[in-house]
Amino acid sequence: MASEKDTYKTVTAPSEEILFKEKGSKFYGYAFPVTSEEEIGEALEVLRKQHYGARHHCYAWQLGSRYEQYRVNDDGEPTNSAGAPIYGQIQAFDLTNVLVVVVRYFGGTKLGVGGLIQAYKTAAKMALDSSRKVKRTIDQLFIVQCDYPEMNSVMRILKSEKLKIVDQKMELKCSFKISVRERDAEIVFQKLNNLHKVSIKRE
């Protein structure tokens, strides 16, 4: 898990295809940024079509800014010889919202469970090594509303705290949707809540 409680690490874009060879077998490794099981299914479907002749499409994934969901799949390989070592690399890189797939073309020589574990681990590591990774913060969203005379006071706080305005509406009242890093959320909430004629609520 990420060292700071309100941050997580993920990949920013699909990795380049990598190839690892072992005793005639070919292992193609891929890493994808994902945020839902639906996206995971779509990525797997694309690879199954791309590698329709492969015997195994093994994978592991982890989802959630707090690393709360994960799954491994050996896809016909001996139990815990493929999905688990792939997931081990996701953990080693401390990543979430990521899918790692290793596609195997059997080369005619059996590798044994130990050989398979090492091959899937290596292909997963190579895929993650080639990925662009980023640390992101876990944020809270607030809706801030005020009349026009109070807008300058609100904007001063938003600027001093370097807060991101996600959306804003200027109608009868000024309305801002702001994104605040979790560790700063309570302080920002109190500062804005203390302003005269300014309302703030969590979204």
N, C-alpha and C. Protein backbone atom coordinates (compact mmCIF):
# COMPACT_ATOMS: atom_id res chain seq x y z
N MET A 1 0.83 -1.19 0.00
CA MET A 1 0.00 0.00 0.00
C MET A 1 0.87 1.25 0.00
N ALA A 2 0.39 2.32 -0.62
CA ALA A 2 1.16 3.55 -0.69
C ALA A 2 1.50 4.04 0.72
N SER A 3 2.68 4.65 0.88
CA SER A 3 3.17 5.01 2.20
C SER A 3 2.32 6.10 2.84
N GLU A 4 1.82 7.07 2.08
CA GLU A 4 0.97 8.10 2.63
C GLU A 4 -0.49 7.65 2.52
N LYS A 5 -1.25 7.92 3.57
CA LYS A 5 -2.60 7.38 3.65
C LYS A 5 -3.54 7.95 2.59
N ASP A 6 -3.24 9.14 2.08
CA ASP A 6 -4.17 9.73 1.10
C ASP A 6 -3.55 9.81 -0.29
N THR A 7 -2.64 8.87 -0.60
CA THR A 7 -2.10 8.78 -1.95
C THR A 7 -2.15 7.34 -2.44
N TYR A 8 -2.07 7.19 -3.75
CA TYR A 8 -1.96 5.86 -4.35
C TYR A 8 -1.14 5.98 -5.63
N LYS A 9 -0.61 4.86 -6.09
CA LYS A 9 0.19 4.84 -7.31
C LYS A 9 -0.52 4.02 -8.38
N THR A 10 -0.42 4.48 -9.61
CA THR A 10 -1.04 3.76 -10.72
C THR A 10 -0.22 3.99 -11.98
N VAL A 11 -0.67 3.38 -13.09
CA VAL A 11 -0.03 3.61 -14.38
C VAL A 11 -0.88 4.59 -15.17
N THR A 12 -0.23 5.36 -16.02
CA THR A 12 -0.94 6.44 -16.72
C THR A 12 -1.40 6.06 -18.12
N ALA A 13 -0.84 5.00 -18.68
CA ALA A 13 -1.19 4.60 -20.05
C ALA A 13 -0.82 3.13 -20.23
N PRO A 14 -1.42 2.46 -21.22
CA PRO A 14 -1.04 1.07 -21.48
C PRO A 14 0.45 0.95 -21.76
N SER A 15 1.06 -0.11 -21.25
CA SER A 15 2.50 -0.33 -21.49
C SER A 15 2.72 -0.78 -22.93
N GLU A 16 3.96 -0.72 -23.36
CA GLU A 16 4.31 -1.33 -24.64
C GLU A 16 4.29 -2.85 -24.47
N GLU A 17 4.02 -3.55 -25.57
CA GLU A 17 4.06 -5.01 -25.51
C GLU A 17 5.49 -5.47 -25.24
N ILE A 18 5.66 -6.36 -24.26
CA ILE A 18 6.99 -6.92 -24.01
C ILE A 18 6.95 -8.43 -24.29
N LEU A 19 8.08 -8.99 -24.62
CA LEU A 19 8.16 -10.43 -24.91
C LEU A 19 9.29 -11.05 -24.10
N PHE A 20 8.94 -12.12 -23.37
CA PHE A 20 9.92 -12.89 -22.63
C PHE A 20 9.85 -14.34 -23.13
N LYS A 21 11.01 -14.92 -23.46
CA LYS A 21 11.04 -16.29 -23.98
C LYS A 21 11.72 -17.22 -22.98
N GLU A 22 11.13 -18.41 -22.84
CA GLU A 22 11.70 -19.42 -21.94
C GLU A 22 11.44 -20.80 -22.52
N LYS A 23 12.50 -21.50 -22.92
CA LYS A 23 12.43 -22.87 -23.43
C LYS A 23 11.36 -23.03 -24.52
N GLY A 24 11.36 -22.10 -25.45
CA GLY A 24 10.43 -22.17 -26.58
C GLY A 24 9.10 -21.49 -26.35
N SER A 25 8.67 -21.37 -25.08
CA SER A 25 7.42 -20.67 -24.80
C SER A 25 7.64 -19.16 -24.90
N LYS A 26 6.62 -18.48 -25.40
CA LYS A 26 6.66 -17.02 -25.50
C LYS A 26 5.65 -16.42 -24.51
N PHE A 27 6.09 -15.45 -23.74
CA PHE A 27 5.25 -14.77 -22.76
C PHE A 27 5.17 -13.28 -23.13
N TYR A 28 3.99 -12.85 -23.54
CA TYR A 28 3.76 -11.43 -23.89
C TYR A 28 3.13 -10.74 -22.68
N GLY A 29 3.75 -9.65 -22.23
CA GLY A 29 3.25 -8.95 -21.05
C GLY A 29 2.67 -7.58 -21.37
N TYR A 30 1.60 -7.26 -20.66
CA TYR A 30 0.90 -5.98 -20.87
C TYR A 30 0.44 -5.43 -19.52
N ALA A 31 0.44 -4.10 -19.39
CA ALA A 31 -0.13 -3.43 -18.22
C ALA A 31 -1.08 -2.34 -18.72
N PHE A 32 -2.25 -2.25 -18.08
CA PHE A 32 -3.27 -1.28 -18.48
C PHE A 32 -3.75 -0.48 -17.26
N PRO A 33 -4.00 0.83 -17.43
CA PRO A 33 -4.70 1.57 -16.38
C PRO A 33 -6.19 1.24 -16.48
N VAL A 34 -6.81 0.89 -15.36
CA VAL A 34 -8.24 0.54 -15.35
C VAL A 34 -8.87 1.09 -14.07
N THR A 35 -10.18 1.37 -14.14
CA THR A 35 -10.87 1.85 -12.94
C THR A 35 -12.13 1.03 -12.65
N SER A 36 -12.42 0.01 -13.46
CA SER A 36 -13.63 -0.78 -13.23
C SER A 36 -13.44 -2.19 -13.82
N GLU A 37 -14.27 -3.13 -13.36
CA GLU A 37 -14.22 -4.48 -13.91
C GLU A 37 -14.67 -4.49 -15.37
N GLU A 38 -15.50 -3.54 -15.74
CA GLU A 38 -15.93 -3.44 -17.14
C GLU A 38 -14.74 -3.12 -18.05
N GLU A 39 -13.91 -2.18 -17.62
CA GLU A 39 -12.71 -1.84 -18.40
C GLU A 39 -11.75 -3.02 -18.46
N ILE A 40 -11.65 -3.76 -17.37
CA ILE A 40 -10.80 -4.94 -17.34
C ILE A 40 -11.27 -5.96 -18.38
N GLY A 41 -12.59 -6.20 -18.41
CA GLY A 41 -13.16 -7.14 -19.37
C GLY A 41 -12.90 -6.73 -20.80
N GLU A 42 -13.00 -5.42 -21.07
CA GLU A 42 -12.77 -4.92 -22.43
C GLU A 42 -11.31 -5.12 -22.85
N ALA A 43 -10.38 -4.84 -21.94
CA ALA A 43 -8.96 -5.01 -22.26
C ALA A 43 -8.63 -6.48 -22.51
N LEU A 44 -9.21 -7.37 -21.69
CA LEU A 44 -8.96 -8.81 -21.88
C LEU A 44 -9.53 -9.29 -23.21
N GLU A 45 -10.68 -8.76 -23.58
CA GLU A 45 -11.31 -9.17 -24.84
C GLU A 45 -10.44 -8.77 -26.03
N VAL A 46 -9.87 -7.58 -25.97
CA VAL A 46 -8.98 -7.11 -27.05
C VAL A 46 -7.77 -8.04 -27.17
N LEU A 47 -7.18 -8.41 -26.05
CA LEU A 47 -6.01 -9.28 -26.09
C LEU A 47 -6.35 -10.69 -26.56
N ARG A 48 -7.52 -11.18 -26.17
CA ARG A 48 -7.92 -12.52 -26.62
C ARG A 48 -8.09 -12.56 -28.13
N LYS A 49 -8.59 -11.47 -28.70
CA LYS A 49 -8.73 -11.40 -30.16
C LYS A 49 -7.36 -11.26 -30.82
N GLN A 50 -6.51 -10.45 -30.19
CA GLN A 50 -5.17 -10.22 -30.75
C GLN A 50 -4.33 -11.49 -30.69
N HIS A 51 -4.48 -12.26 -29.62
CA HIS A 51 -3.70 -13.49 -29.41
C HIS A 51 -4.63 -14.70 -29.36
N TYR A 52 -5.46 -14.83 -30.39
CA TYR A 52 -6.47 -15.90 -30.39
C TYR A 52 -5.84 -17.30 -30.42
N GLY A 53 -4.58 -17.40 -30.88
CA GLY A 53 -3.92 -18.70 -30.95
C GLY A 53 -3.18 -19.09 -29.69
N ALA A 54 -3.17 -18.20 -28.68
CA ALA A 54 -2.42 -18.49 -27.45
C ALA A 54 -3.20 -19.44 -26.56
N ARG A 55 -2.48 -20.24 -25.79
CA ARG A 55 -3.12 -21.22 -24.92
C ARG A 55 -3.59 -20.59 -23.61
N HIS A 56 -2.87 -19.60 -23.10
CA HIS A 56 -3.19 -19.04 -21.79
C HIS A 56 -3.15 -17.51 -21.83
N HIS A 57 -4.17 -16.90 -21.23
CA HIS A 57 -4.21 -15.45 -21.01
C HIS A 57 -4.34 -15.24 -19.50
N CYS A 58 -3.24 -15.19 -18.81
CA CYS A 58 -3.24 -15.12 -17.34
C CYS A 58 -3.13 -13.65 -16.91
N TYR A 59 -3.75 -13.33 -15.79
CA TYR A 59 -3.76 -11.92 -15.40
C TYR A 59 -3.99 -11.75 -13.90
N ALA A 60 -3.77 -10.53 -13.47
CA ALA A 60 -4.11 -10.08 -12.12
C ALA A 60 -4.45 -8.60 -12.20
N TRP A 61 -5.34 -8.17 -11.31
CA TRP A 61 -5.65 -6.74 -11.28
C TRP A 61 -5.90 -6.28 -9.85
N GLN A 62 -5.77 -4.97 -9.67
CA GLN A 62 -6.08 -4.34 -8.39
C GLN A 62 -6.81 -3.04 -8.66
N LEU A 63 -7.86 -2.78 -7.88
CA LEU A 63 -8.69 -1.59 -8.07
C LEU A 63 -8.89 -0.86 -6.74
N GLY A 64 -9.15 0.43 -6.85
CA GLY A 64 -9.51 1.23 -5.69
C GLY A 64 -8.37 2.08 -5.18
N SER A 65 -8.67 3.33 -4.84
CA SER A 65 -7.62 4.23 -4.34
C SER A 65 -7.05 3.74 -3.02
N ARG A 66 -7.79 2.87 -2.33
CA ARG A 66 -7.28 2.27 -1.09
C ARG A 66 -6.91 0.80 -1.29
N TYR A 67 -6.73 0.42 -2.55
CA TYR A 67 -6.22 -0.92 -2.88
C TYR A 67 -7.17 -2.02 -2.37
N GLU A 68 -8.49 -1.75 -2.42
CA GLU A 68 -9.41 -2.66 -1.75
C GLU A 68 -9.87 -3.87 -2.56
N GLN A 69 -9.70 -3.87 -3.88
CA GLN A 69 -10.17 -5.00 -4.70
C GLN A 69 -9.02 -5.58 -5.51
N TYR A 70 -8.97 -6.91 -5.60
CA TYR A 70 -7.99 -7.53 -6.48
C TYR A 70 -8.50 -8.90 -6.91
N ARG A 71 -7.92 -9.40 -7.99
CA ARG A 71 -8.25 -10.75 -8.45
C ARG A 71 -7.08 -11.31 -9.24
N VAL A 72 -6.92 -12.63 -9.18
CA VAL A 72 -5.89 -13.30 -9.99
C VAL A 72 -6.56 -14.40 -10.80
N ASN A 73 -5.98 -14.73 -11.96
CA ASN A 73 -6.54 -15.77 -12.81
C ASN A 73 -5.40 -16.53 -13.49
N ASP A 74 -5.37 -17.86 -13.27
CA ASP A 74 -4.32 -18.70 -13.86
C ASP A 74 -4.66 -19.19 -15.26
N ASP A 75 -5.91 -19.05 -15.68
CA ASP A 75 -6.38 -19.41 -17.03
C ASP A 75 -5.81 -20.75 -17.51
N GLY A 76 -5.98 -21.79 -16.69
CA GLY A 76 -5.60 -23.13 -17.13
C GLY A 76 -4.21 -23.57 -16.72
N GLU A 77 -3.36 -22.63 -16.28
CA GLU A 77 -2.05 -23.02 -15.76
C GLU A 77 -2.24 -23.63 -14.36
N PRO A 78 -1.25 -24.36 -13.84
CA PRO A 78 -1.37 -24.92 -12.49
C PRO A 78 -1.69 -23.82 -11.46
N THR A 79 -2.48 -24.17 -10.46
CA THR A 79 -2.93 -23.21 -9.46
C THR A 79 -1.77 -22.41 -8.87
N ASN A 80 -1.95 -21.09 -8.86
CA ASN A 80 -0.99 -20.14 -8.27
C ASN A 80 0.35 -20.06 -9.01
N SER A 81 0.40 -20.59 -10.24
CA SER A 81 1.66 -20.52 -10.99
C SER A 81 1.73 -19.32 -11.92
N ALA A 82 0.61 -18.61 -12.11
CA ALA A 82 0.57 -17.50 -13.07
C ALA A 82 -0.03 -16.24 -12.47
N GLY A 83 -1.32 -16.30 -12.10
CA GLY A 83 -1.99 -15.11 -11.57
C GLY A 83 -1.33 -14.56 -10.32
N ALA A 84 -0.95 -15.47 -9.40
CA ALA A 84 -0.34 -15.02 -8.14
C ALA A 84 1.00 -14.32 -8.35
N PRO A 85 1.92 -14.87 -9.15
CA PRO A 85 3.18 -14.13 -9.37
C PRO A 85 2.98 -12.81 -10.13
N ILE A 86 1.97 -12.75 -11.00
CA ILE A 86 1.66 -11.48 -11.67
C ILE A 86 1.20 -10.46 -10.62
N TYR A 87 0.29 -10.91 -9.74
CA TYR A 87 -0.21 -10.01 -8.68
C TYR A 87 0.92 -9.60 -7.73
N GLY A 88 1.86 -10.52 -7.50
CA GLY A 88 3.01 -10.18 -6.66
C GLY A 88 3.79 -9.00 -7.19
N GLN A 89 3.86 -8.88 -8.52
CA GLN A 89 4.57 -7.73 -9.12
C GLN A 89 3.75 -6.44 -8.99
N ILE A 90 2.42 -6.54 -9.09
CA ILE A 90 1.57 -5.36 -8.84
C ILE A 90 1.83 -4.85 -7.42
N GLN A 91 1.93 -5.79 -6.47
CA GLN A 91 2.20 -5.41 -5.08
C GLN A 91 3.62 -4.85 -4.93
N ALA A 92 4.58 -5.46 -5.62
CA ALA A 92 5.96 -5.00 -5.52
C ALA A 92 6.12 -3.57 -6.02
N PHE A 93 5.36 -3.22 -7.06
CA PHE A 93 5.39 -1.85 -7.58
C PHE A 93 4.44 -0.92 -6.84
N ASP A 94 3.66 -1.49 -5.89
CA ASP A 94 2.73 -0.70 -5.06
C ASP A 94 1.71 0.05 -5.91
N LEU A 95 1.04 -0.70 -6.82
CA LEU A 95 0.14 -0.07 -7.78
C LEU A 95 -1.31 -0.49 -7.55
N THR A 96 -2.22 0.38 -7.96
CA THR A 96 -3.63 0.04 -8.00
C THR A 96 -4.24 0.62 -9.28
N ASN A 97 -5.52 0.31 -9.50
CA ASN A 97 -6.18 0.69 -10.76
C ASN A 97 -5.33 0.25 -11.95
N VAL A 98 -4.93 -1.02 -11.89
CA VAL A 98 -4.04 -1.57 -12.92
C VAL A 98 -4.42 -3.02 -13.22
N LEU A 99 -4.30 -3.39 -14.48
CA LEU A 99 -4.47 -4.76 -14.95
C LEU A 99 -3.17 -5.18 -15.62
N VAL A 100 -2.65 -6.35 -15.22
CA VAL A 100 -1.45 -6.89 -15.87
C VAL A 100 -1.82 -8.26 -16.45
N VAL A 101 -1.57 -8.42 -17.75
CA VAL A 101 -1.89 -9.66 -18.46
C VAL A 101 -0.61 -10.23 -19.06
N VAL A 102 -0.46 -11.54 -18.91
CA VAL A 102 0.65 -12.23 -19.57
C VAL A 102 0.06 -13.34 -20.44
N VAL A 103 0.30 -13.22 -21.75
CA VAL A 103 -0.22 -14.18 -22.72
C VAL A 103 0.88 -15.18 -23.04
N ARG A 104 0.57 -16.49 -22.92
CA ARG A 104 1.60 -17.50 -23.17
C ARG A 104 1.28 -18.35 -24.39
N TYR A 105 2.27 -18.47 -25.26
CA TYR A 105 2.24 -19.43 -26.35
C TYR A 105 3.14 -20.60 -25.94
N PHE A 106 2.58 -21.78 -25.82
CA PHE A 106 3.33 -22.95 -25.36
C PHE A 106 4.35 -23.36 -26.42
N GLY A 107 5.59 -23.60 -25.99
CA GLY A 107 6.66 -23.91 -26.93
C GLY A 107 7.02 -25.37 -27.04
N GLY A 108 6.23 -26.24 -26.36
CA GLY A 108 6.49 -27.68 -26.49
C GLY A 108 7.27 -28.28 -25.33
N THR A 109 7.92 -27.46 -24.54
CA THR A 109 8.67 -27.96 -23.38
C THR A 109 8.00 -27.49 -22.10
N LYS A 110 7.65 -28.42 -21.21
CA LYS A 110 7.03 -28.05 -19.95
C LYS A 110 8.06 -27.37 -19.04
N LEU A 111 7.61 -26.32 -18.36
CA LEU A 111 8.53 -25.54 -17.53
C LEU A 111 8.47 -25.95 -16.06
N GLY A 112 7.44 -26.70 -15.69
CA GLY A 112 7.26 -27.01 -14.28
C GLY A 112 6.70 -25.81 -13.54
N VAL A 113 6.11 -26.05 -12.37
CA VAL A 113 5.48 -24.96 -11.63
C VAL A 113 6.47 -23.86 -11.29
N GLY A 114 7.67 -24.24 -10.83
CA GLY A 114 8.69 -23.24 -10.49
C GLY A 114 9.09 -22.40 -11.69
N GLY A 115 9.24 -23.05 -12.84
CA GLY A 115 9.60 -22.33 -14.06
C GLY A 115 8.50 -21.39 -14.52
N LEU A 116 7.25 -21.84 -14.37
CA LEU A 116 6.11 -20.99 -14.75
C LEU A 116 6.04 -19.76 -13.85
N ILE A 117 6.18 -19.98 -12.55
CA ILE A 117 6.13 -18.85 -11.61
C ILE A 117 7.16 -17.80 -11.98
N GLN A 118 8.39 -18.25 -12.27
CA GLN A 118 9.47 -17.31 -12.61
C GLN A 118 9.19 -16.60 -13.94
N ALA A 119 8.66 -17.34 -14.91
CA ALA A 119 8.39 -16.75 -16.23
C ALA A 119 7.28 -15.70 -16.16
N TYR A 120 6.18 -16.03 -15.46
CA TYR A 120 5.07 -15.07 -15.35
C TYR A 120 5.48 -13.85 -14.52
N LYS A 121 6.26 -14.10 -13.47
CA LYS A 121 6.76 -12.99 -12.66
C LYS A 121 7.64 -12.07 -13.49
N THR A 122 8.53 -12.64 -14.30
CA THR A 122 9.45 -11.85 -15.11
C THR A 122 8.71 -11.03 -16.17
N ALA A 123 7.76 -11.67 -16.85
CA ALA A 123 7.00 -10.96 -17.89
C ALA A 123 6.18 -9.82 -17.28
N ALA A 124 5.57 -10.07 -16.11
CA ALA A 124 4.79 -9.01 -15.44
C ALA A 124 5.69 -7.86 -15.02
N LYS A 125 6.86 -8.19 -14.48
CA LYS A 125 7.80 -7.14 -14.06
C LYS A 125 8.26 -6.31 -15.26
N MET A 126 8.55 -6.97 -16.37
CA MET A 126 8.97 -6.25 -17.57
C MET A 126 7.88 -5.30 -18.07
N ALA A 127 6.62 -5.77 -18.03
CA ALA A 127 5.51 -4.92 -18.46
C ALA A 127 5.38 -3.70 -17.55
N LEU A 128 5.49 -3.90 -16.24
CA LEU A 128 5.36 -2.78 -15.31
C LEU A 128 6.58 -1.87 -15.35
N ASP A 129 7.75 -2.44 -15.59
CA ASP A 129 8.96 -1.62 -15.75
C ASP A 129 8.80 -0.64 -16.92
N SER A 130 8.11 -1.09 -17.97
CA SER A 130 7.98 -0.25 -19.17
C SER A 130 6.80 0.73 -19.08
N SER A 131 6.05 0.67 -17.99
CA SER A 131 4.86 1.54 -17.84
C SER A 131 5.25 2.88 -17.23
N ARG A 132 4.52 3.91 -17.62
CA ARG A 132 4.66 5.21 -16.95
C ARG A 132 3.80 5.20 -15.70
N LYS A 133 4.41 5.50 -14.56
CA LYS A 133 3.71 5.42 -13.29
C LYS A 133 3.58 6.81 -12.66
N VAL A 134 2.55 6.99 -11.84
CA VAL A 134 2.31 8.29 -11.22
C VAL A 134 1.71 8.09 -9.83
N LYS A 135 2.04 9.00 -8.92
CA LYS A 135 1.41 9.00 -7.60
C LYS A 135 0.27 10.02 -7.61
N ARG A 136 -0.89 9.62 -7.15
CA ARG A 136 -2.05 10.51 -7.12
C ARG A 136 -2.58 10.63 -5.70
N THR A 137 -3.26 11.75 -5.45
CA THR A 137 -3.84 11.96 -4.12
C THR A 137 -5.29 11.51 -4.10
N ILE A 138 -5.74 11.08 -2.93
CA ILE A 138 -7.17 10.80 -2.71
C ILE A 138 -7.80 12.13 -2.31
N ASP A 139 -8.78 12.57 -3.09
CA ASP A 139 -9.37 13.89 -2.89
C ASP A 139 -10.83 13.82 -2.47
N GLN A 140 -11.28 14.89 -1.81
CA GLN A 140 -12.69 15.05 -1.49
C GLN A 140 -13.23 16.22 -2.31
N LEU A 141 -14.51 16.13 -2.66
CA LEU A 141 -15.16 17.20 -3.42
C LEU A 141 -16.10 17.99 -2.52
N PHE A 142 -16.03 19.32 -2.64
CA PHE A 142 -16.92 20.21 -1.90
C PHE A 142 -17.68 21.10 -2.88
N ILE A 143 -18.90 21.44 -2.52
CA ILE A 143 -19.67 22.45 -3.25
C ILE A 143 -19.69 23.71 -2.38
N VAL A 144 -19.18 24.81 -2.92
CA VAL A 144 -19.15 26.09 -2.20
C VAL A 144 -20.08 27.07 -2.91
N GLN A 145 -20.97 27.70 -2.15
CA GLN A 145 -21.90 28.67 -2.73
C GLN A 145 -21.83 29.98 -1.97
N CYS A 146 -21.93 31.06 -2.71
CA CYS A 146 -21.91 32.38 -2.07
C CYS A 146 -22.54 33.41 -3.00
N ASP A 147 -22.86 34.58 -2.45
CA ASP A 147 -23.31 35.70 -3.28
C ASP A 147 -22.07 36.38 -3.88
N TYR A 148 -22.30 37.19 -4.90
CA TYR A 148 -21.17 37.80 -5.60
C TYR A 148 -20.25 38.63 -4.68
N PRO A 149 -20.78 39.40 -3.70
CA PRO A 149 -19.88 40.19 -2.85
C PRO A 149 -18.87 39.35 -2.07
N GLU A 150 -19.21 38.07 -1.80
CA GLU A 150 -18.31 37.20 -1.03
C GLU A 150 -17.32 36.43 -1.91
N MET A 151 -17.46 36.58 -3.23
CA MET A 151 -16.66 35.76 -4.13
C MET A 151 -15.16 35.99 -3.95
N ASN A 152 -14.74 37.25 -3.72
CA ASN A 152 -13.31 37.53 -3.57
C ASN A 152 -12.72 36.82 -2.35
N SER A 153 -13.48 36.76 -1.26
CA SER A 153 -13.00 36.07 -0.05
C SER A 153 -12.83 34.58 -0.32
N VAL A 154 -13.80 34.01 -1.04
CA VAL A 154 -13.71 32.59 -1.38
C VAL A 154 -12.50 32.34 -2.28
N MET A 155 -12.34 33.17 -3.30
CA MET A 155 -11.25 32.97 -4.25
C MET A 155 -9.88 33.12 -3.59
N ARG A 156 -9.78 34.00 -2.59
CA ARG A 156 -8.50 34.16 -1.88
C ARG A 156 -8.09 32.86 -1.20
N ILE A 157 -9.07 32.19 -0.57
CA ILE A 157 -8.77 30.92 0.11
C ILE A 157 -8.43 29.84 -0.92
N LEU A 158 -9.19 29.78 -2.00
CA LEU A 158 -8.92 28.77 -3.03
C LEU A 158 -7.51 28.95 -3.60
N LYS A 159 -7.11 30.22 -3.78
CA LYS A 159 -5.78 30.50 -4.33
C LYS A 159 -4.69 30.18 -3.31
N SER A 160 -4.87 30.59 -2.08
CA SER A 160 -3.83 30.39 -1.06
C SER A 160 -3.63 28.91 -0.76
N GLU A 161 -4.70 28.12 -0.85
CA GLU A 161 -4.61 26.68 -0.58
C GLU A 161 -4.29 25.88 -1.85
N LYS A 162 -4.16 26.60 -2.99
CA LYS A 162 -3.85 25.97 -4.28
C LYS A 162 -4.87 24.87 -4.61
N LEU A 163 -6.15 25.20 -4.49
CA LEU A 163 -7.21 24.22 -4.70
C LEU A 163 -7.68 24.21 -6.15
N LYS A 164 -8.07 23.05 -6.59
CA LYS A 164 -8.52 22.87 -7.97
C LYS A 164 -10.03 23.09 -8.06
N ILE A 165 -10.44 23.99 -8.95
CA ILE A 165 -11.87 24.20 -9.22
C ILE A 165 -12.28 23.22 -10.32
N VAL A 166 -13.14 22.28 -9.96
CA VAL A 166 -13.59 21.26 -10.91
C VAL A 166 -14.67 21.81 -11.82
N ASP A 167 -15.55 22.65 -11.23
CA ASP A 167 -16.67 23.21 -12.00
C ASP A 167 -17.10 24.50 -11.31
N GLN A 168 -17.63 25.44 -12.09
CA GLN A 168 -18.17 26.65 -11.47
C GLN A 168 -19.35 27.17 -12.27
N LYS A 169 -20.31 27.76 -11.53
CA LYS A 169 -21.50 28.34 -12.16
C LYS A 169 -21.71 29.73 -11.60
N MET A 170 -21.93 30.68 -12.50
CA MET A 170 -22.19 32.05 -12.09
C MET A 170 -23.62 32.40 -12.49
N GLU A 171 -24.55 32.15 -11.59
CA GLU A 171 -25.96 32.45 -11.86
C GLU A 171 -26.43 33.46 -10.83
N LEU A 172 -27.55 33.19 -10.14
CA LEU A 172 -27.97 34.11 -9.08
C LEU A 172 -26.95 34.11 -7.95
N LYS A 173 -26.36 32.94 -7.74
CA LYS A 173 -25.28 32.81 -6.77
C LYS A 173 -24.05 32.26 -7.48
N CYS A 174 -22.89 32.43 -6.86
CA CYS A 174 -21.68 31.79 -7.36
C CYS A 174 -21.60 30.40 -6.76
N SER A 175 -21.32 29.41 -7.57
CA SER A 175 -21.21 28.03 -7.09
C SER A 175 -19.93 27.41 -7.64
N PHE A 176 -19.13 26.85 -6.74
CA PHE A 176 -17.87 26.22 -7.13
C PHE A 176 -17.85 24.77 -6.64
N LYS A 177 -17.43 23.88 -7.51
CA LYS A 177 -17.10 22.53 -7.06
C LYS A 177 -15.58 22.46 -6.98
N ILE A 178 -15.07 22.15 -5.79
CA ILE A 178 -13.62 22.14 -5.62
C ILE A 178 -13.14 20.77 -5.16
N SER A 179 -11.93 20.46 -5.54
CA SER A 179 -11.29 19.19 -5.18
C SER A 179 -10.19 19.48 -4.16
N VAL A 180 -10.25 18.78 -3.03
CA VAL A 180 -9.31 19.03 -1.93
C VAL A 180 -8.65 17.72 -1.53
N ARG A 181 -7.33 17.74 -1.42
CA ARG A 181 -6.63 16.55 -0.94
C ARG A 181 -7.15 16.16 0.44
N GLU A 182 -7.32 14.87 0.65
CA GLU A 182 -7.98 14.38 1.86
C GLU A 182 -7.35 14.90 3.15
N ARG A 183 -6.03 14.95 3.20
CA ARG A 183 -5.36 15.38 4.44
C ARG A 183 -5.64 16.84 4.77
N ASP A 184 -6.00 17.65 3.75
CA ASP A 184 -6.26 19.08 3.94
C ASP A 184 -7.75 19.39 4.02
N ALA A 185 -8.60 18.38 3.84
CA ALA A 185 -10.03 18.62 3.65
C ALA A 185 -10.68 19.32 4.84
N GLU A 186 -10.37 18.89 6.06
CA GLU A 186 -11.05 19.46 7.23
C GLU A 186 -10.66 20.92 7.45
N ILE A 187 -9.38 21.23 7.24
CA ILE A 187 -8.92 22.62 7.42
C ILE A 187 -9.59 23.54 6.39
N VAL A 188 -9.61 23.09 5.13
CA VAL A 188 -10.23 23.89 4.07
C VAL A 188 -11.73 24.06 4.33
N PHE A 189 -12.37 22.98 4.75
CA PHE A 189 -13.81 23.05 5.06
C PHE A 189 -14.07 24.11 6.12
N GLN A 190 -13.28 24.12 7.18
CA GLN A 190 -13.50 25.07 8.27
C GLN A 190 -13.23 26.51 7.82
N LYS A 191 -12.18 26.70 7.03
CA LYS A 191 -11.86 28.06 6.56
C LYS A 191 -13.01 28.64 5.74
N LEU A 192 -13.55 27.82 4.84
CA LEU A 192 -14.64 28.32 3.98
C LEU A 192 -15.94 28.42 4.77
N ASN A 193 -16.15 27.50 5.67
CA ASN A 193 -17.38 27.50 6.46
C ASN A 193 -17.45 28.70 7.40
N ASN A 194 -16.29 29.22 7.77
CA ASN A 194 -16.24 30.37 8.69
C ASN A 194 -16.49 31.70 7.99
N LEU A 195 -16.48 31.69 6.65
CA LEU A 195 -16.75 32.92 5.92
C LEU A 195 -18.21 33.32 6.03
N HIS A 196 -18.44 34.61 6.11
CA HIS A 196 -19.81 35.15 6.22
C HIS A 196 -20.58 34.91 4.92
N LYS A 197 -21.79 34.39 5.04
CA LYS A 197 -22.70 34.18 3.90
C LYS A 197 -22.13 33.24 2.84
N VAL A 198 -21.31 32.27 3.28
CA VAL A 198 -20.77 31.26 2.39
C VAL A 198 -21.22 29.89 2.90
N SER A 199 -21.77 29.07 2.01
CA SER A 199 -22.16 27.71 2.40
C SER A 199 -21.23 26.70 1.73
N ILE A 200 -20.94 25.65 2.45
CA ILE A 200 -20.09 24.60 1.89
C ILE A 200 -20.63 23.25 2.33
N LYS A 201 -20.64 22.30 1.39
CA LYS A 201 -21.08 20.95 1.72
C LYS A 201 -20.25 19.95 0.94
N ARG A 202 -20.12 18.76 1.51
CA ARG A 202 -19.41 17.70 0.81
C ARG A 202 -20.30 17.11 -0.26
N GLU A 203 -19.71 16.80 -1.41
CA GLU A 203 -20.52 16.19 -2.47
C GLU A 203 -20.65 14.70 -2.21
